Every structure is written in structure tokens, then in C-alpha cells.
Amino acid sequence: MNIEVRLFAAAKDAAGNAMVSLTVPEHTTVAELRQHLVAAAPALATMQQTLFVAVNNQYANADDVIRATDKIACFPPVSGG
């Protein structure tokens, strides 16, 4: 299935783009999505384990399954006030 992943903050800067298009198998989990994302944008490798993944505007767990219609966003931890 084809999905688009929106990137924010340092993830966007590292990838050099705000959007990454991926082709992944059906029933791909969030953990597997991270691997596909790094394969498509190797500069994200250093932040792969710390990237937050949101699916349909909610934080996702590593074992959550991605559907083709999901809206996916990734961003690194942020701080500030």
C-alpha cells in the first residue's frame, strides 16, 4: 500500500523534505513503518527509535497497524515552554 508520512521539526530538516511517500505491505506496524522510513530517508536513522509517530492525530504504539487511509506524522521529542 502507498502511504505518505508528514515530517516535522528536526525530522523534516534531516530528511530534507516535509513529506515522504512510502510503499509498505498491508498490516505494517508502526515499528515497521520506522524501518521503511529510515530506508527511504537514511538521515533519520539516528532518531529512528525516538521519533514519535501519530496516526490520525493520536500517538501510536509500536505494534499499532497502519492502514492505507491513515494520516501519519512523525516528529522528534520537543521541549520548551
PDB file of N, CA and C in Angstrom:
ATOM      1  N   MET A   1       0.852  -1.177   0.000  1.00  0.00           N
ATOM      2  CA  MET A   1       0.000   0.000   0.000  1.00  0.00           C
ATOM      3  C   MET A   1       0.895   1.236   0.000  1.00  0.00           C
ATOM      4  N   ASN A   2       0.372   2.319  -0.524  1.00  0.00           N
ATOM      5  CA  ASN A   2       1.102   3.581  -0.572  1.00  0.00           C
ATOM      6  C   ASN A   2       0.618   4.483   0.550  1.00  0.00           C
ATOM      7  N   ILE A   3       1.570   5.047   1.286  1.00  0.00           N
ATOM      8  CA  ILE A   3       1.230   5.976   2.357  1.00  0.00           C
ATOM      9  C   ILE A   3       2.153   7.184   2.276  1.00  0.00           C
ATOM     10  N   GLU A   4       1.690   8.274   2.835  1.00  0.00           N
ATOM     11  CA  GLU A   4       2.504   9.473   2.941  1.00  0.00           C
ATOM     12  C   GLU A   4       2.704   9.778   4.413  1.00  0.00           C
ATOM     13  N   VAL A   5       3.945  10.103   4.754  1.00  0.00           N
ATOM     14  CA  VAL A   5       4.300  10.401   6.132  1.00  0.00           C
ATOM     15  C   VAL A   5       4.763  11.855   6.187  1.00  0.00           C
ATOM     16  N   ARG A   6       4.088  12.648   6.984  1.00  0.00           N
ATOM     17  CA  ARG A   6       4.485  14.041   7.186  1.00  0.00           C
ATOM     18  C   ARG A   6       5.556  14.090   8.255  1.00  0.00           C
ATOM     19  N   LEU A   7       6.590  14.885   8.006  1.00  0.00           N
ATOM     20  CA  LEU A   7       7.694  15.037   8.946  1.00  0.00           C
ATOM     21  C   LEU A   7       7.714  16.448   9.485  1.00  0.00           C
ATOM     22  N   PHE A   8       8.081  16.579  10.752  1.00  0.00           N
ATOM     23  CA  PHE A   8       8.111  17.880  11.403  1.00  0.00           C
ATOM     24  C   PHE A   8       9.437  18.083  12.127  1.00  0.00           C
ATOM     25  N   ALA A   9       9.761  19.346  12.359  1.00  0.00           N
ATOM     26  CA  ALA A   9      10.916  19.770  13.158  1.00  0.00           C
ATOM     27  C   ALA A   9      12.207  19.157  12.615  1.00  0.00           C
ATOM     28  N   ALA A  10      13.039  18.601  13.505  1.00  0.00           N
ATOM     29  CA  ALA A  10      14.345  18.072  13.109  1.00  0.00           C
ATOM     30  C   ALA A  10      14.221  16.900  12.131  1.00  0.00           C
ATOM     31  N   ALA A  11      13.137  16.150  12.189  1.00  0.00           N
ATOM     32  CA  ALA A  11      12.927  15.051  11.239  1.00  0.00           C
ATOM     33  C   ALA A  11      12.774  15.605   9.829  1.00  0.00           C
ATOM     34  N   LYS A  12      12.038  16.674   9.694  1.00  0.00           N
ATOM     35  CA  LYS A  12      11.864  17.335   8.398  1.00  0.00           C
ATOM     36  C   LYS A  12      13.203  17.860   7.895  1.00  0.00           C
ATOM     37  N   ASP A  13      13.968  18.490   8.779  1.00  0.00           N
ATOM     38  CA  ASP A  13      15.271  19.022   8.394  1.00  0.00           C
ATOM     39  C   ASP A  13      16.219  17.914   7.959  1.00  0.00           C
ATOM     40  N   ALA A  14      16.261  16.818   8.717  1.00  0.00           N
ATOM     41  CA  ALA A  14      17.166  15.716   8.402  1.00  0.00           C
ATOM     42  C   ALA A  14      16.815  15.058   7.073  1.00  0.00           C
ATOM     43  N   ALA A  15      15.538  14.872   6.825  1.00  0.00           N
ATOM     44  CA  ALA A  15      15.095  14.228   5.590  1.00  0.00           C
ATOM     45  C   ALA A  15      15.168  15.164   4.388  1.00  0.00           C
ATOM     46  N   GLY A  16      15.185  16.467   4.670  1.00  0.00           N
ATOM     47  CA  GLY A  16      15.221  17.435   3.581  1.00  0.00           C
ATOM     48  C   GLY A  16      13.888  17.611   2.881  1.00  0.00           C
ATOM     49  N   ASN A  17      12.834  17.159   3.534  1.00  0.00           N
ATOM     50  CA  ASN A  17      11.508  17.246   2.929  1.00  0.00           C
ATOM     51  C   ASN A  17      10.458  17.109   4.031  1.00  0.00           C
ATOM     52  N   ALA A  18       9.317  17.709   3.829  1.00  0.00           N
ATOM     53  CA  ALA A  18       8.238  17.639   4.811  1.00  0.00           C
ATOM     54  C   ALA A  18       7.354  16.411   4.624  1.00  0.00           C
ATOM     55  N   MET A  19       7.537  15.691   3.516  1.00  0.00           N
ATOM     56  CA  MET A  19       6.682  14.550   3.224  1.00  0.00           C
ATOM     57  C   MET A  19       7.527  13.442   2.603  1.00  0.00           C
ATOM     58  N   VAL A  20       7.291  12.227   3.055  1.00  0.00           N
ATOM     59  CA  VAL A  20       7.946  11.061   2.471  1.00  0.00           C
ATOM     60  C   VAL A  20       6.852  10.097   2.034  1.00  0.00           C
ATOM     61  N   SER A  21       6.913   9.672   0.786  1.00  0.00           N
ATOM     62  CA  SER A  21       5.965   8.683   0.265  1.00  0.00           C
ATOM     63  C   SER A  21       6.606   7.307   0.366  1.00  0.00           C
ATOM     64  N   LEU A  22       5.854   6.357   0.901  1.00  0.00           N
ATOM     65  CA  LEU A  22       6.357   5.003   1.096  1.00  0.00           C
ATOM     66  C   LEU A  22       5.394   3.986   0.505  1.00  0.00           C
ATOM     67  N   THR A  23       5.944   2.900   0.044  1.00  0.00           N
ATOM     68  CA  THR A  23       5.154   1.739  -0.323  1.00  0.00           C
ATOM     69  C   THR A  23       5.498   0.657   0.689  1.00  0.00           C
ATOM     70  N   VAL A  24       4.508   0.245   1.459  1.00  0.00           N
ATOM     71  CA  VAL A  24       4.710  -0.733   2.531  1.00  0.00           C
ATOM     72  C   VAL A  24       3.684  -1.849   2.382  1.00  0.00           C
ATOM     73  N   PRO A  25       3.974  -3.026   2.944  1.00  0.00           N
ATOM     74  CA  PRO A  25       2.999  -4.121   2.876  1.00  0.00           C
ATOM     75  C   PRO A  25       1.763  -3.825   3.725  1.00  0.00           C
ATOM     76  N   GLU A  26       0.663  -4.468   3.388  1.00  0.00           N
ATOM     77  CA  GLU A  26      -0.531  -4.403   4.226  1.00  0.00           C
ATOM     78  C   GLU A  26      -0.163  -4.900   5.620  1.00  0.00           C
ATOM     79  N   HIS A  27      -0.832  -4.395   6.621  1.00  0.00           N
ATOM     80  CA  HIS A  27      -0.636  -4.797   8.014  1.00  0.00           C
ATOM     81  C   HIS A  27       0.728  -4.381   8.578  1.00  0.00           C
ATOM     82  N   THR A  28       1.326  -3.335   8.012  1.00  0.00           N
ATOM     83  CA  THR A  28       2.583  -2.802   8.533  1.00  0.00           C
ATOM     84  C   THR A  28       2.327  -2.148   9.889  1.00  0.00           C
ATOM     85  N   THR A  29       3.188  -2.438  10.842  1.00  0.00           N
ATOM     86  CA  THR A  29       3.070  -1.835  12.167  1.00  0.00           C
ATOM     87  C   THR A  29       3.854  -0.519  12.203  1.00  0.00           C
ATOM     88  N   VAL A  30       3.639   0.240  13.248  1.00  0.00           N
ATOM     89  CA  VAL A  30       4.369   1.493  13.431  1.00  0.00           C
ATOM     90  C   VAL A  30       5.867   1.217  13.529  1.00  0.00           C
ATOM     91  N   ALA A  31       6.258   0.157  14.228  1.00  0.00           N
ATOM     92  CA  ALA A  31       7.677  -0.196  14.326  1.00  0.00           C
ATOM     93  C   ALA A  31       8.262  -0.484  12.949  1.00  0.00           C
ATOM     94  N   GLU A  32       7.533  -1.202  12.122  1.00  0.00           N
ATOM     95  CA  GLU A  32       7.994  -1.496  10.763  1.00  0.00           C
ATOM     96  C   GLU A  32       8.004  -0.235   9.912  1.00  0.00           C
ATOM     97  N   LEU A  33       7.040   0.642  10.134  1.00  0.00           N
ATOM     98  CA  LEU A  33       6.993   1.914   9.420  1.00  0.00           C
ATOM     99  C   LEU A  33       8.278   2.704   9.649  1.00  0.00           C
ATOM    100  N   ARG A  34       8.749   2.726  10.887  1.00  0.00           N
ATOM    101  CA  ARG A  34      10.007   3.432  11.194  1.00  0.00           C
ATOM    102  C   ARG A  34      11.148   2.878  10.343  1.00  0.00           C
ATOM    103  N   GLN A  35      11.204   1.566  10.172  1.00  0.00           N
ATOM    104  CA  GLN A  35      12.261   0.949   9.367  1.00  0.00           C
ATOM    105  C   GLN A  35      12.144   1.368   7.902  1.00  0.00           C
ATOM    106  N   HIS A  36      10.930   1.377   7.375  1.00  0.00           N
ATOM    107  CA  HIS A  36      10.717   1.802   5.992  1.00  0.00           C
ATOM    108  C   HIS A  36      11.076   3.277   5.812  1.00  0.00           C
ATOM    109  N   LEU A  37      10.758   4.060   6.814  1.00  0.00           N
ATOM    110  CA  LEU A  37      11.043   5.491   6.762  1.00  0.00           C
ATOM    111  C   LEU A  37      12.548   5.738   6.698  1.00  0.00           C
ATOM    112  N   VAL A  38      13.316   5.026   7.505  1.00  0.00           N
ATOM    113  CA  VAL A  38      14.769   5.176   7.500  1.00  0.00           C
ATOM    114  C   VAL A  38      15.364   4.670   6.182  1.00  0.00           C
ATOM    115  N   ALA A  39      14.782   3.627   5.621  1.00  0.00           N
ATOM    116  CA  ALA A  39      15.259   3.141   4.322  1.00  0.00           C
ATOM    117  C   ALA A  39      15.065   4.200   3.242  1.00  0.00           C
ATOM    118  N   ALA A  40      13.964   4.943   3.331  1.00  0.00           N
ATOM    119  CA  ALA A  40      13.675   5.989   2.339  1.00  0.00           C
ATOM    120  C   ALA A  40      14.433   7.277   2.614  1.00  0.00           C
ATOM    121  N   ALA A  41      14.719   7.552   3.886  1.00  0.00           N
ATOM    122  CA  ALA A  41      15.423   8.769   4.288  1.00  0.00           C
ATOM    123  C   ALA A  41      16.479   8.388   5.327  1.00  0.00           C
ATOM    124  N   PRO A  42      17.634   7.884   4.891  1.00  0.00           N
ATOM    125  CA  PRO A  42      18.655   7.376   5.808  1.00  0.00           C
ATOM    126  C   PRO A  42      19.115   8.374   6.871  1.00  0.00           C
ATOM    127  N   ALA A  43      18.979   9.658   6.619  1.00  0.00           N
ATOM    128  CA  ALA A  43      19.391  10.662   7.604  1.00  0.00           C
ATOM    129  C   ALA A  43      18.549  10.578   8.879  1.00  0.00           C
ATOM    130  N   LEU A  44      17.428   9.893   8.831  1.00  0.00           N
ATOM    131  CA  LEU A  44      16.572   9.741  10.007  1.00  0.00           C
ATOM    132  C   LEU A  44      17.017   8.594  10.917  1.00  0.00           C
ATOM    133  N   ALA A  45      18.033   7.858  10.525  1.00  0.00           N
ATOM    134  CA  ALA A  45      18.468   6.685  11.285  1.00  0.00           C
ATOM    135  C   ALA A  45      18.825   7.019  12.726  1.00  0.00           C
ATOM    136  N   THR A  46      19.462   8.158  12.954  1.00  0.00           N
ATOM    137  CA  THR A  46      19.891   8.496  14.311  1.00  0.00           C
ATOM    138  C   THR A  46      18.721   8.790  15.237  1.00  0.00           C
ATOM    139  N   MET A  47      17.569   9.131  14.673  1.00  0.00           N
ATOM    140  CA  MET A  47      16.410   9.439  15.509  1.00  0.00           C
ATOM    141  C   MET A  47      15.297   8.405  15.379  1.00  0.00           C
ATOM    142  N   GLN A  48      15.577   7.301  14.709  1.00  0.00           N
ATOM    143  CA  GLN A  48      14.557   6.290  14.433  1.00  0.00           C
ATOM    144  C   GLN A  48      13.832   5.820  15.698  1.00  0.00           C
ATOM    145  N   GLN A  49      14.549   5.529  16.745  1.00  0.00           N
ATOM    146  CA  GLN A  49      13.935   4.982  17.953  1.00  0.00           C
ATOM    147  C   GLN A  49      13.210   6.026  18.791  1.00  0.00           C
ATOM    148  N   THR A  50      13.520   7.290  18.582  1.00  0.00           N
ATOM    149  CA  THR A  50      12.896   8.329  19.408  1.00  0.00           C
ATOM    150  C   THR A  50      11.799   9.096  18.676  1.00  0.00           C
ATOM    151  N   LEU A  51      11.622   8.836  17.391  1.00  0.00           N
ATOM    152  CA  LEU A  51      10.571   9.536  16.652  1.00  0.00           C
ATOM    153  C   LEU A  51       9.198   9.189  17.204  1.00  0.00           C
ATOM    154  N   PHE A  52       8.430  10.209  17.466  1.00  0.00           N
ATOM    155  CA  PHE A  52       7.029   9.998  17.803  1.00  0.00           C
ATOM    156  C   PHE A  52       6.270   9.787  16.496  1.00  0.00           C
ATOM    157  N   VAL A  53       5.354   8.854  16.507  1.00  0.00           N
ATOM    158  CA  VAL A  53       4.502   8.612  15.341  1.00  0.00           C
ATOM    159  C   VAL A  53       3.070   8.863  15.768  1.00  0.00           C
ATOM    160  N   ALA A  54       2.398   9.696  15.022  1.00  0.00           N
ATOM    161  CA  ALA A  54       0.981   9.958  15.252  1.00  0.00           C
ATOM    162  C   ALA A  54       0.203   9.394  14.065  1.00  0.00           C
ATOM    163  N   VAL A  55      -0.849   8.679  14.381  1.00  0.00           N
ATOM    164  CA  VAL A  55      -1.728   8.127  13.354  1.00  0.00           C
ATOM    165  C   VAL A  55      -3.111   8.721  13.588  1.00  0.00           C
ATOM    166  N   ASN A  56      -3.596   9.434  12.604  1.00  0.00           N
ATOM    167  CA  ASN A  56      -4.889  10.103  12.704  1.00  0.00           C
ATOM    168  C   ASN A  56      -4.963  11.009  13.940  1.00  0.00           C
ATOM    169  N   ASN A  57      -3.898  11.779  14.122  1.00  0.00           N
ATOM    170  CA  ASN A  57      -3.801  12.789  15.186  1.00  0.00           C
ATOM    171  C   ASN A  57      -3.720  12.224  16.596  1.00  0.00           C
ATOM    172  N   GLN A  58      -3.333  10.959  16.736  1.00  0.00           N
ATOM    173  CA  GLN A  58      -3.151  10.371  18.057  1.00  0.00           C
ATOM    174  C   GLN A  58      -1.825   9.617  18.077  1.00  0.00           C
ATOM    175  N   TYR A  59      -1.116   9.735  19.217  1.00  0.00           N
ATOM    176  CA  TYR A  59       0.133   8.989  19.341  1.00  0.00           C
ATOM    177  C   TYR A  59      -0.126   7.514  19.104  1.00  0.00           C
ATOM    178  N   ALA A  60       0.798   6.866  18.384  1.00  0.00           N
ATOM    179  CA  ALA A  60       0.646   5.451  18.061  1.00  0.00           C
ATOM    180  C   ALA A  60       1.679   4.620  18.821  1.00  0.00           C
ATOM    181  N   ASN A  61       1.315   3.409  19.128  1.00  0.00           N
ATOM    182  CA  ASN A  61       2.221   2.442  19.757  1.00  0.00           C
ATOM    183  C   ASN A  61       2.948   1.662  18.675  1.00  0.00           C
ATOM    184  N   ALA A  62       4.079   1.083  19.031  1.00  0.00           N
ATOM    185  CA  ALA A  62       4.910   0.367  18.067  1.00  0.00           C
ATOM    186  C   ALA A  62       4.166  -0.778  17.375  1.00  0.00           C
ATOM    187  N   ASP A  63       3.221  -1.400  18.060  1.00  0.00           N
ATOM    188  CA  ASP A  63       2.519  -2.542  17.470  1.00  0.00           C
ATOM    189  C   ASP A  63       1.200  -2.177  16.785  1.00  0.00           C
ATOM    190  N   ASP A  64       0.867  -0.888  16.742  1.00  0.00           N
ATOM    191  CA  ASP A  64      -0.343  -0.460  16.016  1.00  0.00           C
ATOM    192  C   ASP A  64      -0.147  -0.697  14.518  1.00  0.00           C
ATOM    193  N   VAL A  65      -1.201  -1.132  13.851  1.00  0.00           N
ATOM    194  CA  VAL A  65      -1.151  -1.425  12.420  1.00  0.00           C
ATOM    195  C   VAL A  65      -1.596  -0.196  11.627  1.00  0.00           C
ATOM    196  N   ILE A  66      -0.847   0.099  10.569  1.00  0.00           N
ATOM    197  CA  ILE A  66      -1.136   1.240   9.694  1.00  0.00           C
ATOM    198  C   ILE A  66      -2.096   0.790   8.591  1.00  0.00           C
ATOM    199  N   ARG A  67      -3.087   1.636   8.309  1.00  0.00           N
ATOM    200  CA  ARG A  67      -3.998   1.392   7.180  1.00  0.00           C
ATOM    201  C   ARG A  67      -3.711   2.413   6.084  1.00  0.00           C
ATOM    202  N   ALA A  68      -4.078   2.097   4.880  1.00  0.00           N
ATOM    203  CA  ALA A  68      -3.804   2.969   3.734  1.00  0.00           C
ATOM    204  C   ALA A  68      -4.453   4.340   3.872  1.00  0.00           C
ATOM    205  N   THR A  69      -5.550   4.419   4.583  1.00  0.00           N
ATOM    206  CA  THR A  69      -6.274   5.693   4.709  1.00  0.00           C
ATOM    207  C   THR A  69      -5.811   6.542   5.895  1.00  0.00           C
ATOM    208  N   ASP A  70      -4.871   6.026   6.699  1.00  0.00           N
ATOM    209  CA  ASP A  70      -4.418   6.754   7.878  1.00  0.00           C
ATOM    210  C   ASP A  70      -3.595   7.982   7.511  1.00  0.00           C
ATOM    211  N   LYS A  71      -3.705   9.002   8.335  1.00  0.00           N
ATOM    212  CA  LYS A  71      -2.863  10.188   8.233  1.00  0.00           C
ATOM    213  C   LYS A  71      -1.740  10.005   9.247  1.00  0.00           C
ATOM    214  N   ILE A  72      -0.503  10.004   8.744  1.00  0.00           N
ATOM    215  CA  ILE A  72       0.640   9.682   9.587  1.00  0.00           C
ATOM    216  C   ILE A  72       1.587  10.873   9.666  1.00  0.00           C
ATOM    217  N   ALA A  73       2.040  11.156  10.873  1.00  0.00           N
ATOM    218  CA  ALA A  73       3.003  12.225  11.097  1.00  0.00           C
ATOM    219  C   ALA A  73       4.099  11.712  12.018  1.00  0.00           C
ATOM    220  N   CYS A  74       5.323  12.175  11.789  1.00  0.00           N
ATOM    221  CA  CYS A  74       6.461  11.804  12.631  1.00  0.00           C
ATOM    222  C   CYS A  74       7.181  13.066  13.066  1.00  0.00           C
ATOM    223  N   PHE A  75       7.590  13.070  14.322  1.00  0.00           N
ATOM    224  CA  PHE A  75       8.346  14.206  14.827  1.00  0.00           C
ATOM    225  C   PHE A  75       9.194  13.752  16.006  1.00  0.00           C
ATOM    226  N   PRO A  76      10.330  14.408  16.194  1.00  0.00           N
ATOM    227  CA  PRO A  76      11.195  14.052  17.311  1.00  0.00           C
ATOM    228  C   PRO A  76      10.637  14.640  18.605  1.00  0.00           C
ATOM    229  N   PRO A  77      11.146  14.172  19.729  1.00  0.00           N
ATOM    230  CA  PRO A  77      10.734  14.791  21.008  1.00  0.00           C
ATOM    231  C   PRO A  77      11.066  16.281  20.981  1.00  0.00           C
ATOM    232  N   VAL A  78      10.218  17.074  21.562  1.00  0.00           N
ATOM    233  CA  VAL A  78      10.437  18.508  21.603  1.00  0.00           C
ATOM    234  C   VAL A  78      10.381  18.969  23.051  1.00  0.00           C
ATOM    235  N   SER A  79      11.008  20.088  23.302  1.00  0.00           N
ATOM    236  CA  SER A  79      10.937  20.670  24.648  1.00  0.00           C
ATOM    237  C   SER A  79      10.813  22.170  24.514  1.00  0.00           C
ATOM    238  N   GLY A  80      10.550  22.795  25.572  1.00  0.00           N
ATOM    239  CA  GLY A  80      10.415  24.246  25.543  1.00  0.00           C
ATOM    240  C   GLY A  80       9.191  24.673  26.330  1.00  0.00           C
ATOM    241  N   GLY A  81       8.942  25.928  26.288  1.00  0.00           N
ATOM    242  CA  GLY A  81       7.807  26.362  27.077  1.00  0.00           C
ATOM    243  C   GLY A  81       7.195  27.616  26.593  1.00  0.00           C
TER     244      GLY A  81
END
